[in-house]
Amino acid sequence: VDWNQIPPDNNTGIQFPVQLAVNGALSDSDAHILQHDTAGLSRSALTVRTNISNNAATKQTGLVTATITPPGHGRPIRVTRRVMVPAHITRTVTFTPTTYGRLTIVHPRVWWPYQLGAQPLYRLTTSVSQHGRTLNSTSETFGIRTVDSYLTGSSVATPPGARAFKINGVPIVIRGGGFSPNLFLHYS
């Protein structure tokens, strides 16, 4: 047996139910948020990006919708844009705060690490539709926060310095470690 040829899951095979995704002429994937926060987190300008793929042999036009729902029962922010995608091409659709002013949130609910504050999560939902029928959609949660890292001064133990972190401008200590012998057997 050539041990270098055995995959990391030790040839255990399929561990979970197989999932099959069926899409229409257009499909939506990899939706995410890019966030630009002011100092003090008084405003958060959110850019939404999602990939729209044309699965057909002809160009397709669809309506892309992105909805950001705040934690609790806040009023959702919805933006839409009509896009044309050539045959068998994936196009990234971007909604920016400069074009869609409502994508700037004033006094956002800020996410904090455990024991430093609450962990409110916003929900991003995107979809692509044709002729009033939704073909595909995505849904993800995200927190509004800033993460900064820097090198501390050098010491005998760490001559180049150690990596330190700040969340929302507050220095935090990250402790812990872990090992998972069944890493490749986890569903996600």
Protein backbone atom coordinates (compact mmCIF):
# COMPACT_ATOMS: atom_id res chain seq x y z
CA VAL A 1 0.00 0.00 0.00
CA ASP A 2 1.35 3.42 -0.97
CA TRP A 3 0.30 5.52 2.05
CA ASN A 4 0.96 8.73 0.09
CA GLN A 5 -1.87 7.84 -2.31
CA ILE A 6 -4.58 7.41 0.35
CA PRO A 7 -6.74 10.57 0.64
CA PRO A 8 -6.95 12.38 4.01
CA ASP A 9 -10.37 10.85 4.76
CA ASN A 10 -8.70 7.40 4.78
CA ASN A 11 -10.93 6.18 1.92
CA THR A 12 -14.05 6.26 4.07
CA GLY A 13 -16.21 7.18 1.08
CA ILE A 14 -19.49 9.07 1.08
CA GLN A 15 -20.44 9.92 4.68
CA PHE A 16 -23.56 12.06 4.27
CA PRO A 17 -26.60 12.14 1.99
CA VAL A 18 -25.79 13.24 -1.54
CA GLN A 19 -27.35 16.58 -2.48
CA LEU A 20 -28.24 17.52 -6.03
CA ALA A 21 -28.78 21.16 -7.00
CA VAL A 22 -30.88 21.88 -10.08
CA ASN A 23 -30.80 25.39 -11.51
CA GLY A 24 -32.73 27.19 -14.19
CA ALA A 25 -31.24 29.27 -16.98
CA LEU A 26 -29.69 31.63 -14.39
CA SER A 27 -28.28 30.74 -10.97
CA ASP A 28 -27.02 32.79 -8.03
CA SER A 29 -23.98 31.84 -5.91
CA ASP A 30 -21.19 33.16 -3.67
CA ALA A 31 -23.16 36.11 -2.29
CA HIS A 32 -21.18 38.11 0.24
CA ILE A 33 -20.79 41.50 1.91
CA LEU A 34 -17.81 43.84 1.83
CA GLN A 35 -18.04 46.33 4.66
CA HIS A 36 -16.45 49.75 5.09
CA ASP A 37 -16.91 51.16 8.59
CA THR A 38 -16.29 54.62 9.95
CA ALA A 39 -14.15 55.06 13.03
CA GLY A 40 -16.28 54.30 16.04
CA LEU A 41 -18.66 52.22 13.87
CA SER A 42 -21.21 55.02 13.60
CA ARG A 43 -21.81 54.05 9.94
CA SER A 44 -21.26 50.92 7.93
CA ALA A 45 -21.27 51.10 4.13
CA LEU A 46 -22.10 47.65 2.74
CA THR A 47 -21.24 46.44 -0.74
CA VAL A 48 -23.10 43.33 -1.88
CA ARG A 49 -21.56 40.99 -4.45
CA THR A 50 -23.06 37.86 -5.95
CA ASN A 51 -22.23 35.71 -8.95
CA ILE A 52 -24.93 35.14 -11.56
CA SER A 53 -24.24 32.21 -13.90
CA ASN A 54 -25.92 31.64 -17.23
CA ASN A 55 -26.47 27.89 -17.58
CA ALA A 56 -28.14 28.21 -20.99
CA ALA A 57 -26.83 28.25 -24.56
CA THR A 58 -28.26 31.76 -25.21
CA LYS A 59 -27.87 35.09 -23.43
CA GLN A 60 -30.24 35.52 -20.50
CA THR A 61 -31.65 38.57 -18.72
CA GLY A 62 -32.78 38.43 -15.12
CA LEU A 63 -33.59 40.55 -12.11
CA VAL A 64 -31.08 40.26 -9.26
CA THR A 65 -32.36 41.19 -5.80
CA ALA A 66 -30.33 41.61 -2.61
CA THR A 67 -32.04 42.04 0.76
CA ILE A 68 -30.30 42.86 4.04
CA THR A 69 -32.47 42.17 7.07
CA PRO A 70 -31.29 43.67 10.37
CA PRO A 71 -31.38 41.69 13.62
CA GLY A 72 -34.71 41.65 15.40
CA HIS A 73 -37.59 43.21 13.55
CA GLY A 74 -35.84 46.01 11.70
CA ARG A 75 -36.84 47.24 8.28
CA PRO A 76 -35.11 45.27 5.48
CA ILE A 77 -33.00 47.02 2.85
CA ARG A 78 -33.79 45.78 -0.67
CA VAL A 79 -31.95 46.62 -3.87
CA THR A 80 -32.54 45.26 -7.38
CA ARG A 81 -30.78 45.35 -10.70
CA ARG A 82 -31.53 43.90 -14.12
CA VAL A 83 -28.57 42.04 -15.64
CA MET A 84 -27.81 40.39 -18.97
CA VAL A 85 -25.44 37.43 -18.89
CA PRO A 86 -23.95 35.92 -22.08
CA ALA A 87 -24.29 32.17 -22.67
CA HIS A 88 -22.26 29.95 -20.31
CA ILE A 89 -20.71 32.94 -18.50
CA THR A 90 -20.66 33.90 -14.81
CA ARG A 91 -20.96 37.62 -14.09
CA THR A 92 -20.36 39.26 -10.71
CA VAL A 93 -23.16 41.66 -9.83
CA THR A 94 -22.22 44.41 -7.38
CA PHE A 95 -24.50 46.71 -5.40
CA THR A 96 -22.50 49.63 -3.93
CA PRO A 97 -23.48 52.24 -1.32
CA THR A 98 -22.60 55.03 -3.78
CA THR A 99 -25.24 53.75 -6.23
CA TYR A 100 -27.70 52.49 -3.62
CA GLY A 101 -27.47 54.93 -0.68
CA ARG A 102 -29.66 52.78 1.54
CA LEU A 103 -26.76 50.29 1.76
CA THR A 104 -25.13 52.63 4.28
CA ILE A 105 -26.39 51.75 7.75
CA VAL A 106 -26.31 54.53 10.32
CA HIS A 107 -25.66 53.27 13.88
CA PRO A 108 -25.48 49.58 12.94
CA ARG A 109 -25.94 46.88 15.54
CA VAL A 110 -22.35 45.85 16.16
CA TRP A 111 -21.15 42.26 16.69
CA TRP A 112 -18.83 41.59 19.64
CA PRO A 113 -16.85 38.51 20.72
CA TYR A 114 -18.23 36.36 23.53
CA GLN A 115 -18.31 38.19 26.88
CA LEU A 116 -17.62 41.60 25.31
CA GLY A 117 -21.13 42.28 24.04
CA ALA A 118 -23.98 40.97 21.94
CA GLN A 119 -23.63 39.02 18.68
CA PRO A 120 -26.40 40.50 16.49
CA LEU A 121 -26.41 39.06 13.00
CA TYR A 122 -27.78 40.62 9.83
CA ARG A 123 -29.12 38.36 7.06
CA LEU A 124 -28.16 38.74 3.40
CA THR A 125 -30.56 37.12 0.94
CA THR A 126 -29.96 37.28 -2.79
CA SER A 127 -32.00 35.92 -5.66
CA VAL A 128 -32.23 35.91 -9.43
CA SER A 129 -35.57 35.80 -11.22
CA GLN A 130 -37.00 35.81 -14.73
CA HIS A 131 -40.56 36.75 -15.70
CA GLY A 132 -41.55 37.11 -12.02
CA ARG A 133 -40.35 33.59 -11.09
CA THR A 134 -37.40 33.11 -8.70
CA LEU A 135 -34.87 30.73 -10.24
CA ASN A 136 -32.32 30.57 -7.44
CA SER A 137 -31.55 32.23 -4.10
CA THR A 138 -28.92 32.34 -1.36
CA SER A 139 -29.06 33.27 2.32
CA GLU A 140 -26.22 34.01 4.74
CA THR A 141 -25.80 35.78 8.08
CA PHE A 142 -23.07 38.30 8.87
CA GLY A 143 -21.97 40.53 11.72
CA ILE A 144 -20.92 44.15 11.43
CA ARG A 145 -17.56 44.56 13.15
CA THR A 146 -13.97 45.55 12.50
CA VAL A 147 -11.01 43.23 12.97
CA ASP A 148 -7.49 44.64 13.07
CA SER A 149 -4.21 42.88 13.68
CA TYR A 150 -0.72 44.17 14.35
CA LEU A 151 2.69 42.96 15.52
CA THR A 152 3.69 43.69 19.08
CA GLY A 153 7.24 44.62 20.00
CA SER A 154 9.94 41.98 19.92
CA SER A 155 10.80 39.91 22.97
CA VAL A 156 13.11 37.03 23.83
CA ALA A 157 10.29 34.53 23.18
CA THR A 158 9.14 36.17 19.95
CA PRO A 159 11.97 38.20 18.33
CA PRO A 160 9.84 39.37 15.35
CA GLY A 161 6.96 40.25 17.67
CA ALA A 162 3.67 38.48 18.25
CA ARG A 163 0.42 38.93 16.33
CA ALA A 164 -2.20 40.82 18.36
CA PHE A 165 -5.82 41.57 17.50
CA LYS A 166 -8.43 44.26 18.06
CA ILE A 167 -12.16 43.78 17.55
CA ASN A 168 -14.07 47.04 17.10
CA GLY A 169 -10.98 48.88 18.35
CA VAL A 170 -10.78 46.86 21.60
CA PRO A 171 -7.65 44.72 22.14
CA ILE A 172 -8.53 41.08 22.74
CA VAL A 173 -6.57 38.00 23.67
CA ILE A 174 -7.16 34.95 21.52
CA ARG A 175 -6.44 31.77 23.41
CA GLY A 176 -6.94 28.15 22.61
CA GLY A 177 -6.08 25.48 20.18
CA GLY A 178 -7.63 22.41 18.78
CA PHE A 179 -7.13 19.21 16.94
CA SER A 180 -9.76 17.23 15.14
CA PRO A 181 -8.75 13.73 14.11
CA ASN A 182 -12.01 13.35 12.16
CA LEU A 183 -11.69 16.70 10.36
CA PHE A 184 -12.51 15.27 6.92
CA LEU A 185 -15.63 13.55 8.23
CA HIS A 186 -17.45 16.76 9.22
CA TYR A 187 -20.40 17.80 7.07
CA SER A 188 -19.37 21.46 6.78
